[in-house]
Amino acid sequence: MQVNFTETERVLLRQAQYACRGKAGYVPVTVLLMLDHGRSATAIAQDLGLDESTVHRYAQACQRQGLAALLAKEAPGYAGRLSSVQLAELRAEVGRTLYTDCRQLVDWLATTHGVTYSVSGLTDLLHRHGFSYKLTTAVPCQADAASQTAFVADTLAPLLAAAEAGTAVVYFADAAHPTHNTRATHVWTETVQQRPLLTVSGRERVNLNAALNALVPTQVHLDETDCVNAQSTQRLYDKLLAAHPEGPVYVVCDNARYYKNKDLTAWLAGTRLVQVFLPTYSPNLNLIERLWKFLRQKIIDTQFYRTKGAFKTAVLAFFDRLDEFGPALASLMSLRFHILDAQLIS
């Protein structure tokens, strides 16, 4: 049986074969490629463990329907049903509209372009073109890219340069209030299995006031307290000054009220410690926010603690184990900052 394809058609077949690995469409596409290479139907049937009649059936279907129609049926994710313009419009639609279910996009394609896809077929098509199903990223609606960019260039960069030169120390400070409860998170598991994790109904918190060294991310000073306020912050700052008895200590922080407390401000006037306030609504520029996320991933969301005491002990012990997480923290705490702009989203 003779089957001959153009070079363009061979490229399409190779793309479909790659997309169909481990799926039902892989065999018919592979049969067509082998026929195109001059293999006999008998040899193909023997190599692939098929009936010879099946090989003939795939070849006849291709001759009868045409390659595009066959690929659209056999190869999930094959884009041949869409023109380049339609594919570009699909990409634009996914980029501007939040779709939580691929069925919604199936309906959009059918309504807008009269093209029908199965959910699995469209899912594979999206994967092939660089899309994935992922969590959205929360962005403060007041985030301003211009002020963030200016802060990084004009304020943060000189401070970090001074820290690298050894003429100053830079910390990032923030408070966190982890709750005694477990949240669902992403883990690796067999597809057919559920991974249950026990939870409690508690809402008790551990209140943490901390500062992270910008250049040494395993160096974190902590004040665990009943209430994060100006007094707690002063205790934290005392620890920073004791750890660095000479030279200026800069603390990059947000605009929480306790950082601007008049008593704290008066006390700071007589010290070597200087607070550097982030632009409003810029948690993305606070390095210690990454530490809170890391704490949740490593300690909180993947372990069950029956009592608040056990939970609190595990959280505080995390800060004694920071050297253990050194390589991961060094990678996570790179001094590269993502700029958020609410206006690009609204």
Protein backbone atom coordinates (compact mmCIF):
# COMPACT_ATOMS: atom_id res chain seq x y z
CA MET A 1 0.00 0.00 0.00
CA GLN A 2 1.49 3.29 -1.11
CA VAL A 3 1.10 6.44 1.01
CA ASN A 4 3.02 9.60 0.16
CA PHE A 5 2.96 12.87 2.05
CA THR A 6 4.45 16.25 1.36
CA GLU A 7 7.15 17.57 3.67
CA THR A 8 4.61 19.89 5.28
CA GLU A 9 2.28 16.97 5.94
CA ARG A 10 5.14 15.00 7.46
CA VAL A 11 5.83 17.85 9.85
CA LEU A 12 2.16 17.86 10.87
CA LEU A 13 2.27 14.10 11.42
CA ARG A 14 5.41 14.40 13.55
CA GLN A 15 3.79 17.12 15.65
CA ALA A 16 0.67 15.02 16.09
CA GLN A 17 2.77 11.96 16.97
CA TYR A 18 4.58 13.95 19.67
CA ALA A 19 1.31 15.30 21.05
CA CYS A 20 -0.26 11.83 21.13
CA ARG A 21 2.49 9.93 22.96
CA GLY A 22 0.84 7.51 25.34
CA LYS A 23 -2.60 8.19 23.85
CA ALA A 24 -4.89 6.40 21.44
CA GLY A 25 -4.07 8.68 18.51
CA TYR A 26 -0.39 7.72 18.57
CA VAL A 27 -0.81 4.42 16.69
CA PRO A 28 -2.70 5.66 13.59
CA VAL A 29 -0.33 8.59 13.17
CA THR A 30 2.70 6.31 13.53
CA VAL A 31 1.23 3.85 11.00
CA LEU A 32 0.89 6.64 8.44
CA LEU A 33 4.47 7.80 8.99
CA MET A 34 5.78 4.25 8.60
CA LEU A 35 3.81 3.76 5.38
CA ASP A 36 5.22 7.05 4.10
CA HIS A 37 8.71 5.71 4.84
CA GLY A 38 8.05 2.73 2.58
CA ARG A 39 7.38 0.08 5.22
CA SER A 40 4.97 -2.66 4.19
CA ALA A 41 1.63 -3.11 5.89
CA THR A 42 2.73 -6.59 7.01
CA ALA A 43 5.92 -5.31 8.64
CA ILE A 44 4.10 -2.45 10.34
CA ALA A 45 1.46 -4.79 11.72
CA GLN A 46 4.16 -7.07 13.12
CA ASP A 47 6.19 -4.22 14.64
CA LEU A 48 3.21 -2.51 16.27
CA GLY A 49 1.27 -5.63 17.23
CA LEU A 50 -1.69 -4.80 14.98
CA ASP A 51 -3.85 -6.70 12.54
CA GLU A 52 -2.79 -5.99 8.97
CA SER A 53 -6.38 -4.98 8.26
CA THR A 54 -6.04 -2.22 10.84
CA VAL A 55 -3.04 -0.80 8.99
CA HIS A 56 -5.04 -0.80 5.74
CA ARG A 57 -7.99 0.81 7.50
CA TYR A 58 -5.87 3.75 8.72
CA ALA A 59 -4.41 4.28 5.26
CA GLN A 60 -7.83 4.13 3.59
CA ALA A 61 -9.28 6.55 6.15
CA CYS A 62 -6.51 9.02 5.38
CA GLN A 63 -7.08 8.72 1.62
CA ARG A 64 -10.82 9.04 2.03
CA GLN A 65 -10.99 11.84 4.62
CA GLY A 66 -7.77 13.70 3.95
CA LEU A 67 -4.94 14.15 6.43
CA ALA A 68 -6.37 17.21 8.20
CA ALA A 69 -9.69 15.51 8.94
CA LEU A 70 -7.96 12.36 10.16
CA LEU A 71 -5.63 14.27 12.46
CA ALA A 72 -8.50 16.29 13.85
CA LYS A 73 -10.19 13.03 14.80
CA GLU A 74 -7.23 10.92 15.92
CA ALA A 75 -4.82 13.48 17.41
CA PRO A 76 -6.12 15.40 20.44
CA GLY A 77 -4.83 18.93 20.34
CA TYR A 78 -4.22 19.02 16.60
CA ALA A 79 -4.63 22.63 15.52
CA GLY A 80 -5.52 21.92 11.90
CA ARG A 81 -9.17 22.80 12.47
CA LEU A 82 -8.14 26.36 13.23
CA SER A 83 -6.60 28.80 10.81
CA SER A 84 -3.61 30.80 12.00
CA VAL A 85 -5.93 33.78 12.51
CA GLN A 86 -8.38 31.71 14.55
CA LEU A 87 -5.56 30.27 16.62
CA ALA A 88 -4.26 33.78 17.30
CA GLU A 89 -7.75 34.86 18.37
CA LEU A 90 -7.97 31.85 20.70
CA ARG A 91 -4.66 32.81 22.30
CA ALA A 92 -5.85 36.39 22.72
CA GLU A 93 -9.16 35.27 24.24
CA VAL A 94 -7.42 33.09 26.82
CA GLY A 95 -5.10 35.99 27.61
CA ARG A 96 -7.84 38.53 28.27
CA THR A 97 -10.59 36.41 29.85
CA LEU A 98 -10.39 34.19 32.93
CA TYR A 99 -11.66 30.72 32.05
CA THR A 100 -12.00 28.29 34.95
CA ASP A 101 -13.23 25.40 32.80
CA CYS A 102 -12.11 24.28 29.35
CA ARG A 103 -15.77 23.62 28.47
CA GLN A 104 -16.28 27.38 28.43
CA LEU A 105 -13.58 27.72 25.78
CA VAL A 106 -15.09 24.85 23.79
CA ASP A 107 -18.35 26.82 23.74
CA TRP A 108 -16.54 30.03 22.80
CA LEU A 109 -14.85 28.36 19.82
CA ALA A 110 -18.12 26.83 18.65
CA THR A 111 -20.00 30.13 18.98
CA THR A 112 -17.30 32.42 17.59
CA HIS A 113 -15.75 30.29 14.85
CA GLY A 114 -18.13 27.35 14.41
CA VAL A 115 -15.32 24.93 15.24
CA THR A 116 -16.04 21.97 17.50
CA TYR A 117 -13.48 20.49 19.88
CA SER A 118 -13.78 17.96 22.64
CA VAL A 119 -12.68 19.10 26.08
CA SER A 120 -9.68 16.75 26.01
CA GLY A 121 -8.74 17.82 22.49
CA LEU A 122 -8.83 21.52 23.32
CA THR A 123 -6.95 20.92 26.57
CA ASP A 124 -4.15 19.24 24.65
CA LEU A 125 -4.15 22.02 22.07
CA LEU A 126 -3.76 24.64 24.81
CA HIS A 127 -0.91 22.69 26.39
CA ARG A 128 0.87 22.45 23.05
CA HIS A 129 0.68 26.20 22.62
CA GLY A 130 2.15 27.07 25.99
CA PHE A 131 -0.93 27.35 28.21
CA SER A 132 -1.45 25.60 31.52
CA TYR A 133 -4.14 25.48 34.22
CA LYS A 134 -2.70 27.37 37.18
CA LEU A 135 -3.61 29.53 40.13
CA THR A 136 -4.24 33.20 39.55
CA THR A 137 -1.94 35.71 41.24
CA ALA A 138 -3.52 38.22 43.59
CA VAL A 139 -2.46 41.79 42.76
CA PRO A 140 -3.43 44.76 44.98
CA CYS A 141 -5.76 46.96 42.95
CA GLN A 142 -3.72 50.05 43.94
CA ALA A 143 -0.35 48.60 42.86
CA ASP A 144 1.54 51.18 40.82
CA ALA A 145 4.35 50.05 38.53
CA ALA A 146 5.96 53.48 38.22
CA SER A 147 6.42 53.96 41.95
CA GLN A 148 7.65 50.39 42.38
CA THR A 149 10.17 50.72 39.55
CA ALA A 150 11.44 54.02 40.93
CA PHE A 151 11.78 52.55 44.43
CA VAL A 152 13.81 49.57 43.22
CA ALA A 153 16.12 51.73 41.10
CA ASP A 154 16.53 54.83 43.26
CA THR A 155 16.22 53.51 46.81
CA LEU A 156 16.63 49.77 47.04
CA ALA A 157 19.50 49.32 44.58
CA PRO A 158 21.85 51.79 46.38
CA LEU A 159 21.05 50.21 49.75
CA LEU A 160 21.78 46.71 48.48
CA ALA A 161 25.00 47.95 46.87
CA ALA A 162 26.08 49.38 50.23
CA ALA A 163 25.26 46.07 51.90
CA GLU A 164 27.32 44.16 49.35
CA ALA A 165 30.19 46.60 49.90
CA GLY A 166 30.00 45.96 53.65
CA THR A 167 29.21 49.56 54.59
CA ALA A 168 25.63 48.88 55.71
CA VAL A 169 23.23 46.07 56.58
CA VAL A 170 19.81 45.72 54.93
CA TYR A 171 16.89 43.79 56.38
CA PHE A 172 13.36 43.21 55.14
CA ALA A 173 10.77 43.20 57.93
CA ASP A 174 7.17 42.10 58.17
CA ALA A 175 4.69 40.41 60.50
CA ALA A 176 2.90 37.13 59.89
CA HIS A 177 0.10 35.42 61.76
CA PRO A 178 0.00 31.74 60.75
CA THR A 179 -3.24 30.07 61.78
CA HIS A 180 -3.45 26.68 63.47
CA ASN A 181 -5.08 24.94 60.55
CA THR A 182 -4.02 23.14 57.40
CA ARG A 183 -4.88 24.31 53.90
CA ALA A 184 -5.07 22.16 50.80
CA THR A 185 -1.93 22.42 48.72
CA HIS A 186 -0.33 20.89 45.63
CA VAL A 187 1.68 17.67 46.09
CA TRP A 188 2.80 14.84 43.81
CA THR A 189 0.62 11.75 43.98
CA GLU A 190 -0.74 9.02 41.74
CA THR A 191 -3.42 10.44 39.47
CA VAL A 192 -6.05 7.94 40.62
CA GLN A 193 -5.44 8.61 44.30
CA GLN A 194 -6.61 11.29 46.70
CA ARG A 195 -4.16 12.57 49.31
CA PRO A 196 -6.24 13.47 52.36
CA LEU A 197 -4.69 15.65 55.05
CA LEU A 198 -6.23 16.03 58.47
CA THR A 199 -7.35 19.49 59.55
CA VAL A 200 -8.63 21.11 62.71
CA SER A 201 -11.28 23.79 63.14
CA GLY A 202 -8.97 26.03 65.16
CA ARG A 203 -8.43 29.67 64.35
CA GLU A 204 -5.74 30.41 66.92
CA ARG A 205 -2.69 32.22 65.59
CA VAL A 206 1.02 32.47 66.20
CA ASN A 207 2.07 36.11 65.92
CA LEU A 208 5.49 36.61 64.36
CA ASN A 209 7.40 39.85 63.90
CA ALA A 210 10.56 39.19 61.90
CA ALA A 211 13.38 40.68 59.85
CA LEU A 212 15.38 38.88 57.15
CA ASN A 213 18.91 39.79 56.10
CA ALA A 214 18.81 40.70 52.41
CA LEU A 215 22.21 39.11 51.70
CA VAL A 216 22.08 36.22 54.19
CA PRO A 217 18.55 34.77 53.98
CA THR A 218 19.23 32.21 56.71
CA GLN A 219 19.76 35.11 59.13
CA VAL A 220 16.30 35.94 60.43
CA HIS A 221 15.61 37.75 63.70
CA LEU A 222 12.27 36.99 65.29
CA ASP A 223 9.99 38.35 67.98
CA GLU A 224 7.16 35.93 68.80
CA THR A 225 4.54 37.92 70.62
CA ASP A 226 0.94 38.10 71.78
CA CYS A 227 0.47 41.22 69.67
CA VAL A 228 2.52 42.71 66.86
CA ASN A 229 2.80 46.40 67.69
CA ALA A 230 5.36 49.17 68.20
CA GLN A 231 6.70 47.52 71.35
CA SER A 232 7.23 44.21 69.57
CA THR A 233 8.90 46.04 66.70
CA GLN A 234 11.26 47.85 69.07
CA ARG A 235 12.27 44.53 70.62
CA LEU A 236 12.96 43.18 67.14
CA TYR A 237 15.02 46.24 66.24
CA ASP A 238 17.03 45.89 69.44
CA LYS A 239 18.03 42.41 68.26
CA LEU A 240 19.16 43.80 64.90
CA LEU A 241 21.28 46.48 66.54
CA ALA A 242 22.83 43.94 68.90
CA ALA A 243 23.65 41.65 65.98
CA HIS A 244 25.30 44.53 64.09
CA PRO A 245 27.03 46.77 66.65
CA GLU A 246 28.60 49.05 64.06
CA GLY A 247 27.36 50.91 61.00
CA PRO A 248 23.89 51.72 59.72
CA VAL A 249 21.12 49.14 59.73
CA TYR A 250 18.37 49.69 57.15
CA VAL A 251 15.01 47.98 57.55
CA VAL A 252 12.76 47.83 54.48
CA CYS A 253 9.15 47.54 55.62
CA ASP A 254 5.59 48.29 54.58
CA ASN A 255 3.42 51.12 55.86
CA ALA A 256 1.78 49.33 58.79
CA ARG A 257 0.76 51.72 61.55
CA TYR A 258 3.09 50.27 64.17
CA TYR A 259 6.14 51.09 62.03
CA LYS A 260 5.11 54.75 62.12
CA ASN A 261 4.18 54.83 65.81
CA LYS A 262 5.36 58.13 67.34
CA ASP A 263 7.08 56.45 70.29
CA LEU A 264 8.93 54.06 67.99
CA THR A 265 9.88 56.95 65.71
CA ALA A 266 11.26 58.92 68.65
CA TRP A 267 13.25 55.93 69.84
CA LEU A 268 14.68 55.32 66.37
CA ALA A 269 16.02 58.88 66.22
CA GLY A 270 18.69 57.93 68.73
CA THR A 271 19.79 54.72 67.00
CA ARG A 272 21.69 53.60 63.90
CA LEU A 273 18.58 51.92 62.51
CA VAL A 274 16.67 53.54 59.66
CA GLN A 275 13.29 52.40 58.38
CA VAL A 276 12.83 52.47 54.61
CA PHE A 277 9.17 52.39 53.64
CA LEU A 278 8.02 50.48 50.60
CA PRO A 279 5.59 52.06 48.13
CA THR A 280 2.04 51.38 49.21
CA TYR A 281 0.54 48.05 48.12
CA SER A 282 3.89 46.51 47.19
CA PRO A 283 4.21 43.16 49.01
CA ASN A 284 6.06 41.89 45.94
CA LEU A 285 9.01 44.10 46.87
CA ASN A 286 9.29 42.75 50.41
CA LEU A 287 11.72 39.85 50.38
CA ILE A 288 10.44 38.37 53.63
CA GLU A 289 7.05 37.67 52.03
CA ARG A 290 8.79 34.80 50.22
CA LEU A 291 9.91 33.41 53.58
CA TRP A 292 6.30 33.34 54.85
CA LYS A 293 5.26 31.40 51.76
CA PHE A 294 8.17 28.99 52.25
CA LEU A 295 7.18 28.50 55.90
CA ARG A 296 3.66 27.60 54.85
CA GLN A 297 4.86 25.14 52.21
CA LYS A 298 7.39 23.38 54.43
CA ILE A 299 5.76 23.43 57.86
CA ILE A 300 2.10 24.40 57.83
CA ASP A 301 0.31 23.00 54.78
CA THR A 302 1.93 19.56 54.63
CA GLN A 303 1.78 18.53 58.29
CA PHE A 304 -1.05 17.99 60.76
CA TYR A 305 -0.75 19.41 64.27
CA ARG A 306 -3.48 18.30 66.61
CA THR A 307 -2.86 20.99 69.24
CA LYS A 308 -1.94 24.63 69.03
CA GLY A 309 1.08 23.88 71.20
CA ALA A 310 2.44 21.38 68.69
CA PHE A 311 1.72 23.81 65.86
CA LYS A 312 3.47 26.69 67.60
CA THR A 313 6.47 24.51 68.44
CA ALA A 314 6.85 23.44 64.80
CA VAL A 315 6.55 27.01 63.51
CA LEU A 316 9.16 28.37 65.92
CA ALA A 317 11.47 25.40 65.33
CA PHE A 318 11.47 26.29 61.64
CA PHE A 319 13.53 29.38 62.43
CA ASP A 320 16.11 27.21 64.21
CA ARG A 321 16.39 25.06 61.07
CA LEU A 322 17.03 27.80 58.53
CA ASP A 323 20.57 26.58 57.80
CA GLU A 324 19.02 23.26 56.79
CA PHE A 325 17.04 25.12 54.12
CA GLY A 326 20.01 27.26 53.06
CA PRO A 327 20.27 26.26 49.37
CA ALA A 328 16.51 26.55 48.83
CA LEU A 329 16.37 29.94 50.56
CA ALA A 330 19.36 31.24 48.61
CA SER A 331 17.54 30.40 45.37
CA LEU A 332 14.22 31.76 46.59
CA MET A 333 15.59 35.01 48.00
CA SER A 334 17.30 36.26 44.85
CA LEU A 335 17.36 40.05 44.70
CA ARG A 336 15.17 40.17 41.61
CA PHE A 337 11.81 41.82 42.10
CA HIS A 338 8.67 41.43 40.01
CA ILE A 339 6.87 44.71 39.40
CA LEU A 340 3.08 44.69 39.77
CA ASP A 341 0.83 47.06 37.86
CA ALA A 342 -2.88 47.00 38.62
CA GLN A 343 -3.63 49.20 35.60
CA LEU A 344 -2.45 46.49 33.19
CA ILE A 345 -5.00 44.11 34.69
CA SER A 346 -8.05 46.32 35.16
